[in-house]
Amino acid sequence: MKDYTTATGHDSTVVEIAEENQVRYWCVTLGCTEAQLREAVQALGTSPADVRRYLAELDQRGVF
C-alpha cells in the first residue's frame, strides 16, 4: 500500500482514472464531472494539485 492513502484506501497523491470507483472519488473530491476530470488529467497528468488548479482556472473563465 502507498504511503498517502485516504480512509477509503485511495492514493491521495495521484489522480487515478482507471477504475470507476477512483473516478467517482476524484469527482467528489475535486467537485467536477467525469468529463472534466478526464480532460484535466489528459491535459496535465495525475497530480491532484495540477488538476485542481486546472479545473479552477477553467471555472474562473466560465468554461465549465
PDB file of N, CA and C in Angstrom:
ATOM      1  N   MET A   1       0.844  -1.177   0.000  1.00  0.00           N
ATOM      2  CA  MET A   1       0.000   0.000   0.000  1.00  0.00           C
ATOM      3  C   MET A   1       0.891   1.243   0.000  1.00  0.00           C
ATOM      4  N   LYS A   2       0.446   2.268  -0.669  1.00  0.00           N
ATOM      5  CA  LYS A   2       1.205   3.504  -0.753  1.00  0.00           C
ATOM      6  C   LYS A   2       1.118   4.275   0.558  1.00  0.00           C
ATOM      7  N   ASP A   3       2.030   5.209   0.750  1.00  0.00           N
ATOM      8  CA  ASP A   3       2.112   5.950   2.000  1.00  0.00           C
ATOM      9  C   ASP A   3       0.951   6.907   2.236  1.00  0.00           C
ATOM     10  N   TYR A   4       0.403   7.502   1.184  1.00  0.00           N
ATOM     11  CA  TYR A   4      -0.600   8.543   1.329  1.00  0.00           C
ATOM     12  C   TYR A   4      -1.953   8.064   0.834  1.00  0.00           C
ATOM     13  N   THR A   5      -2.672   7.375   1.676  1.00  0.00           N
ATOM     14  CA  THR A   5      -3.988   6.893   1.288  1.00  0.00           C
ATOM     15  C   THR A   5      -5.052   7.536   2.154  1.00  0.00           C
ATOM     16  N   THR A   6      -6.237   7.640   1.602  1.00  0.00           N
ATOM     17  CA  THR A   6      -7.358   8.201   2.337  1.00  0.00           C
ATOM     18  C   THR A   6      -8.007   7.097   3.159  1.00  0.00           C
ATOM     19  N   ALA A   7      -9.019   7.463   3.924  1.00  0.00           N
ATOM     20  CA  ALA A   7      -9.738   6.478   4.728  1.00  0.00           C
ATOM     21  C   ALA A   7     -10.412   5.429   3.841  1.00  0.00           C
ATOM     22  N   THR A   8     -10.705   5.784   2.585  1.00  0.00           N
ATOM     23  CA  THR A   8     -11.336   4.833   1.670  1.00  0.00           C
ATOM     24  C   THR A   8     -10.319   3.998   0.913  1.00  0.00           C
ATOM     25  N   GLY A   9      -9.026   4.240   1.157  1.00  0.00           N
ATOM     26  CA  GLY A   9      -7.990   3.444   0.520  1.00  0.00           C
ATOM     27  C   GLY A   9      -7.462   4.018  -0.772  1.00  0.00           C
ATOM     28  N   HIS A  10      -7.926   5.196  -1.165  1.00  0.00           N
ATOM     29  CA  HIS A  10      -7.449   5.817  -2.395  1.00  0.00           C
ATOM     30  C   HIS A  10      -6.126   6.525  -2.144  1.00  0.00           C
ATOM     31  N   ASP A  11      -5.238   6.420  -3.100  1.00  0.00           N
ATOM     32  CA  ASP A  11      -3.975   7.151  -3.033  1.00  0.00           C
ATOM     33  C   ASP A  11      -4.279   8.616  -3.289  1.00  0.00           C
ATOM     34  N   SER A  12      -3.998   9.461  -2.332  1.00  0.00           N
ATOM     35  CA  SER A  12      -4.351  10.873  -2.455  1.00  0.00           C
ATOM     36  C   SER A  12      -3.276  11.695  -3.156  1.00  0.00           C
ATOM     37  N   THR A  13      -2.205  11.049  -3.617  1.00  0.00           N
ATOM     38  CA  THR A  13      -1.134  11.777  -4.290  1.00  0.00           C
ATOM     39  C   THR A  13      -1.177  11.645  -5.803  1.00  0.00           C
ATOM     40  N   VAL A  14      -2.084  10.823  -6.318  1.00  0.00           N
ATOM     41  CA  VAL A  14      -2.195  10.582  -7.757  1.00  0.00           C
ATOM     42  C   VAL A  14      -3.665  10.517  -8.139  1.00  0.00           C
ATOM     43  N   VAL A  15      -4.060  11.270  -9.157  1.00  0.00           N
ATOM     44  CA  VAL A  15      -5.432  11.200  -9.652  1.00  0.00           C
ATOM     45  C   VAL A  15      -5.508  10.004 -10.598  1.00  0.00           C
ATOM     46  N   GLU A  16      -6.115   8.945 -10.135  1.00  0.00           N
ATOM     47  CA  GLU A  16      -6.274   7.728 -10.928  1.00  0.00           C
ATOM     48  C   GLU A  16      -7.642   7.728 -11.584  1.00  0.00           C
ATOM     49  N   ILE A  17      -7.694   7.383 -12.859  1.00  0.00           N
ATOM     50  CA  ILE A  17      -8.984   7.335 -13.553  1.00  0.00           C
ATOM     51  C   ILE A  17      -9.192   5.996 -14.257  1.00  0.00           C
ATOM     52  N   ALA A  18      -8.454   4.983 -13.826  1.00  0.00           N
ATOM     53  CA  ALA A  18      -8.535   3.674 -14.461  1.00  0.00           C
ATOM     54  C   ALA A  18      -9.778   2.897 -14.040  1.00  0.00           C
ATOM     55  N   GLU A  19     -10.247   3.105 -12.819  1.00  0.00           N
ATOM     56  CA  GLU A  19     -11.401   2.361 -12.310  1.00  0.00           C
ATOM     57  C   GLU A  19     -12.509   3.328 -11.922  1.00  0.00           C
ATOM     58  N   GLU A  20     -13.730   2.884 -12.083  1.00  0.00           N
ATOM     59  CA  GLU A  20     -14.894   3.742 -11.846  1.00  0.00           C
ATOM     60  C   GLU A  20     -14.947   4.286 -10.424  1.00  0.00           C
ATOM     61  N   ASN A  21     -14.576   3.466  -9.435  1.00  0.00           N
ATOM     62  CA  ASN A  21     -14.618   3.961  -8.051  1.00  0.00           C
ATOM     63  C   ASN A  21     -13.576   5.062  -7.828  1.00  0.00           C
ATOM     64  N   GLN A  22     -12.460   5.005  -8.527  1.00  0.00           N
ATOM     65  CA  GLN A  22     -11.452   6.052  -8.427  1.00  0.00           C
ATOM     66  C   GLN A  22     -11.957   7.343  -9.078  1.00  0.00           C
ATOM     67  N   VAL A  23     -12.619   7.198 -10.212  1.00  0.00           N
ATOM     68  CA  VAL A  23     -13.186   8.364 -10.898  1.00  0.00           C
ATOM     69  C   VAL A  23     -14.229   9.034 -10.011  1.00  0.00           C
ATOM     70  N   ARG A  24     -15.110   8.239  -9.406  1.00  0.00           N
ATOM     71  CA  ARG A  24     -16.128   8.803  -8.504  1.00  0.00           C
ATOM     72  C   ARG A  24     -15.482   9.537  -7.330  1.00  0.00           C
ATOM     73  N   TYR A  25     -14.467   8.918  -6.736  1.00  0.00           N
ATOM     74  CA  TYR A  25     -13.771   9.537  -5.603  1.00  0.00           C
ATOM     75  C   TYR A  25     -13.206  10.899  -5.998  1.00  0.00           C
ATOM     76  N   TRP A  26     -12.495  10.955  -7.102  1.00  0.00           N
ATOM     77  CA  TRP A  26     -11.859  12.210  -7.501  1.00  0.00           C
ATOM     78  C   TRP A  26     -12.878  13.251  -7.952  1.00  0.00           C
ATOM     79  N   CYS A  27     -13.960  12.835  -8.584  1.00  0.00           N
ATOM     80  CA  CYS A  27     -15.005  13.791  -8.973  1.00  0.00           C
ATOM     81  C   CYS A  27     -15.617  14.450  -7.737  1.00  0.00           C
ATOM     82  N   VAL A  28     -15.881  13.667  -6.717  1.00  0.00           N
ATOM     83  CA  VAL A  28     -16.425  14.217  -5.473  1.00  0.00           C
ATOM     84  C   VAL A  28     -15.382  15.093  -4.785  1.00  0.00           C
ATOM     85  N   THR A  29     -14.159  14.619  -4.697  1.00  0.00           N
ATOM     86  CA  THR A  29     -13.088  15.352  -4.022  1.00  0.00           C
ATOM     87  C   THR A  29     -12.790  16.681  -4.701  1.00  0.00           C
ATOM     88  N   LEU A  30     -12.786  16.681  -6.026  1.00  0.00           N
ATOM     89  CA  LEU A  30     -12.435  17.892  -6.769  1.00  0.00           C
ATOM     90  C   LEU A  30     -13.651  18.705  -7.205  1.00  0.00           C
ATOM     91  N   GLY A  31     -14.843  18.165  -7.006  1.00  0.00           N
ATOM     92  CA  GLY A  31     -16.062  18.886  -7.366  1.00  0.00           C
ATOM     93  C   GLY A  31     -16.219  19.085  -8.855  1.00  0.00           C
ATOM     94  N   CYS A  32     -16.029  18.018  -9.619  1.00  0.00           N
ATOM     95  CA  CYS A  32     -16.119  18.124 -11.066  1.00  0.00           C
ATOM     96  C   CYS A  32     -16.860  16.920 -11.640  1.00  0.00           C
ATOM     97  N   THR A  33     -17.127  16.980 -12.929  1.00  0.00           N
ATOM     98  CA  THR A  33     -17.746  15.849 -13.617  1.00  0.00           C
ATOM     99  C   THR A  33     -16.657  14.891 -14.094  1.00  0.00           C
ATOM    100  N   GLU A  34     -17.068  13.727 -14.522  1.00  0.00           N
ATOM    101  CA  GLU A  34     -16.104  12.760 -15.047  1.00  0.00           C
ATOM    102  C   GLU A  34     -15.407  13.310 -16.292  1.00  0.00           C
ATOM    103  N   ALA A  35     -16.164  13.949 -17.166  1.00  0.00           N
ATOM    104  CA  ALA A  35     -15.574  14.509 -18.384  1.00  0.00           C
ATOM    105  C   ALA A  35     -14.534  15.580 -18.051  1.00  0.00           C
ATOM    106  N   GLN A  36     -14.849  16.435 -17.087  1.00  0.00           N
ATOM    107  CA  GLN A  36     -13.910  17.477 -16.673  1.00  0.00           C
ATOM    108  C   GLN A  36     -12.646  16.862 -16.080  1.00  0.00           C
ATOM    109  N   LEU A  37     -12.833  15.837 -15.256  1.00  0.00           N
ATOM    110  CA  LEU A  37     -11.696  15.161 -14.638  1.00  0.00           C
ATOM    111  C   LEU A  37     -10.800  14.533 -15.697  1.00  0.00           C
ATOM    112  N   ARG A  38     -11.391  13.820 -16.624  1.00  0.00           N
ATOM    113  CA  ARG A  38     -10.610  13.163 -17.679  1.00  0.00           C
ATOM    114  C   ARG A  38      -9.876  14.185 -18.546  1.00  0.00           C
ATOM    115  N   GLU A  39     -10.525  15.298 -18.852  1.00  0.00           N
ATOM    116  CA  GLU A  39      -9.892  16.353 -19.635  1.00  0.00           C
ATOM    117  C   GLU A  39      -8.684  16.927 -18.890  1.00  0.00           C
ATOM    118  N   ALA A  40      -8.854  17.183 -17.606  1.00  0.00           N
ATOM    119  CA  ALA A  40      -7.772  17.745 -16.807  1.00  0.00           C
ATOM    120  C   ALA A  40      -6.591  16.783 -16.709  1.00  0.00           C
ATOM    121  N   VAL A  41      -6.864  15.514 -16.482  1.00  0.00           N
ATOM    122  CA  VAL A  41      -5.789  14.525 -16.381  1.00  0.00           C
ATOM    123  C   VAL A  41      -5.075  14.378 -17.724  1.00  0.00           C
ATOM    124  N   GLN A  42      -5.838  14.388 -18.802  1.00  0.00           N
ATOM    125  CA  GLN A  42      -5.226  14.281 -20.125  1.00  0.00           C
ATOM    126  C   GLN A  42      -4.342  15.497 -20.418  1.00  0.00           C
ATOM    127  N   ALA A  43      -4.776  16.669 -19.994  1.00  0.00           N
ATOM    128  CA  ALA A  43      -4.029  17.900 -20.265  1.00  0.00           C
ATOM    129  C   ALA A  43      -2.782  18.038 -19.394  1.00  0.00           C
ATOM    130  N   LEU A  44      -2.878  17.606 -18.118  1.00  0.00           N
ATOM    131  CA  LEU A  44      -1.810  17.916 -17.167  1.00  0.00           C
ATOM    132  C   LEU A  44      -1.135  16.735 -16.502  1.00  0.00           C
ATOM    133  N   GLY A  45      -1.758  15.595 -16.518  1.00  0.00           N
ATOM    134  CA  GLY A  45      -1.200  14.461 -15.795  1.00  0.00           C
ATOM    135  C   GLY A  45      -1.986  14.185 -14.527  1.00  0.00           C
ATOM    136  N   THR A  46      -1.402  13.452 -13.619  1.00  0.00           N
ATOM    137  CA  THR A  46      -2.148  12.910 -12.477  1.00  0.00           C
ATOM    138  C   THR A  46      -1.892  13.599 -11.144  1.00  0.00           C
ATOM    139  N   SER A  47      -1.279  14.750 -11.156  1.00  0.00           N
ATOM    140  CA  SER A  47      -1.050  15.479  -9.911  1.00  0.00           C
ATOM    141  C   SER A  47      -2.347  16.131  -9.434  1.00  0.00           C
ATOM    142  N   PRO A  48      -2.817  15.815  -8.226  1.00  0.00           N
ATOM    143  CA  PRO A  48      -4.046  16.428  -7.718  1.00  0.00           C
ATOM    144  C   PRO A  48      -3.980  17.955  -7.687  1.00  0.00           C
ATOM    145  N   ALA A  49      -2.845  18.516  -7.319  1.00  0.00           N
ATOM    146  CA  ALA A  49      -2.711  19.975  -7.259  1.00  0.00           C
ATOM    147  C   ALA A  49      -2.839  20.588  -8.650  1.00  0.00           C
ATOM    148  N   ASP A  50      -2.208  19.966  -9.645  1.00  0.00           N
ATOM    149  CA  ASP A  50      -2.297  20.470 -11.015  1.00  0.00           C
ATOM    150  C   ASP A  50      -3.716  20.360 -11.553  1.00  0.00           C
ATOM    151  N   VAL A  51      -4.361  19.228 -11.303  1.00  0.00           N
ATOM    152  CA  VAL A  51      -5.733  19.026 -11.774  1.00  0.00           C
ATOM    153  C   VAL A  51      -6.664  20.020 -11.093  1.00  0.00           C
ATOM    154  N   ARG A  52      -6.523  20.214  -9.798  1.00  0.00           N
ATOM    155  CA  ARG A  52      -7.360  21.165  -9.059  1.00  0.00           C
ATOM    156  C   ARG A  52      -7.181  22.584  -9.611  1.00  0.00           C
ATOM    157  N   ARG A  53      -5.951  22.980  -9.863  1.00  0.00           N
ATOM    158  CA  ARG A  53      -5.650  24.312 -10.399  1.00  0.00           C
ATOM    159  C   ARG A  53      -6.244  24.482 -11.803  1.00  0.00           C
ATOM    160  N   TYR A  54      -6.113  23.472 -12.637  1.00  0.00           N
ATOM    161  CA  TYR A  54      -6.656  23.495 -13.989  1.00  0.00           C
ATOM    162  C   TYR A  54      -8.175  23.671 -13.962  1.00  0.00           C
ATOM    163  N   LEU A  55      -8.834  22.895 -13.120  1.00  0.00           N
ATOM    164  CA  LEU A  55     -10.294  22.982 -13.012  1.00  0.00           C
ATOM    165  C   LEU A  55     -10.716  24.353 -12.499  1.00  0.00           C
ATOM    166  N   ALA A  56      -9.985  24.899 -11.552  1.00  0.00           N
ATOM    167  CA  ALA A  56     -10.304  26.224 -11.010  1.00  0.00           C
ATOM    168  C   ALA A  56     -10.135  27.299 -12.084  1.00  0.00           C
ATOM    169  N   GLU A  57      -9.085  27.205 -12.877  1.00  0.00           N
ATOM    170  CA  GLU A  57      -8.855  28.182 -13.945  1.00  0.00           C
ATOM    171  C   GLU A  57      -9.971  28.137 -14.978  1.00  0.00           C
ATOM    172  N   LEU A  58     -10.381  26.950 -15.354  1.00  0.00           N
ATOM    173  CA  LEU A  58     -11.470  26.827 -16.324  1.00  0.00           C
ATOM    174  C   LEU A  58     -12.773  27.363 -15.756  1.00  0.00           C
ATOM    175  N   ASP A  59     -12.998  27.111 -14.468  1.00  0.00           N
ATOM    176  CA  ASP A  59     -14.209  27.606 -13.822  1.00  0.00           C
ATOM    177  C   ASP A  59     -14.211  29.127 -13.778  1.00  0.00           C
ATOM    178  N   GLN A  60     -13.087  29.735 -13.484  1.00  0.00           N
ATOM    179  CA  GLN A  60     -12.989  31.191 -13.447  1.00  0.00           C
ATOM    180  C   GLN A  60     -13.228  31.818 -14.811  1.00  0.00           C
ATOM    181  N   ARG A  61     -12.810  31.125 -15.850  1.00  0.00           N
ATOM    182  CA  ARG A  61     -13.019  31.650 -17.203  1.00  0.00           C
ATOM    183  C   ARG A  61     -14.426  31.350 -17.715  1.00  0.00           C
ATOM    184  N   GLY A  62     -15.192  30.584 -16.954  1.00  0.00           N
ATOM    185  CA  GLY A  62     -16.557  30.261 -17.340  1.00  0.00           C
ATOM    186  C   GLY A  62     -16.662  29.126 -18.353  1.00  0.00           C
ATOM    187  N   VAL A  63     -15.611  28.328 -18.468  1.00  0.00           N
ATOM    188  CA  VAL A  63     -15.622  27.217 -19.411  1.00  0.00           C
ATOM    189  C   VAL A  63     -16.525  26.104 -18.897  1.00  0.00           C
ATOM    190  N   PHE A  64     -16.522  25.886 -17.593  1.00  0.00           N
ATOM    191  CA  PHE A  64     -17.361  24.822 -17.008  1.00  0.00           C
ATOM    192  C   PHE A  64     -18.573  25.430 -16.370  1.00  0.00           C
TER     193      PHE A  64
END
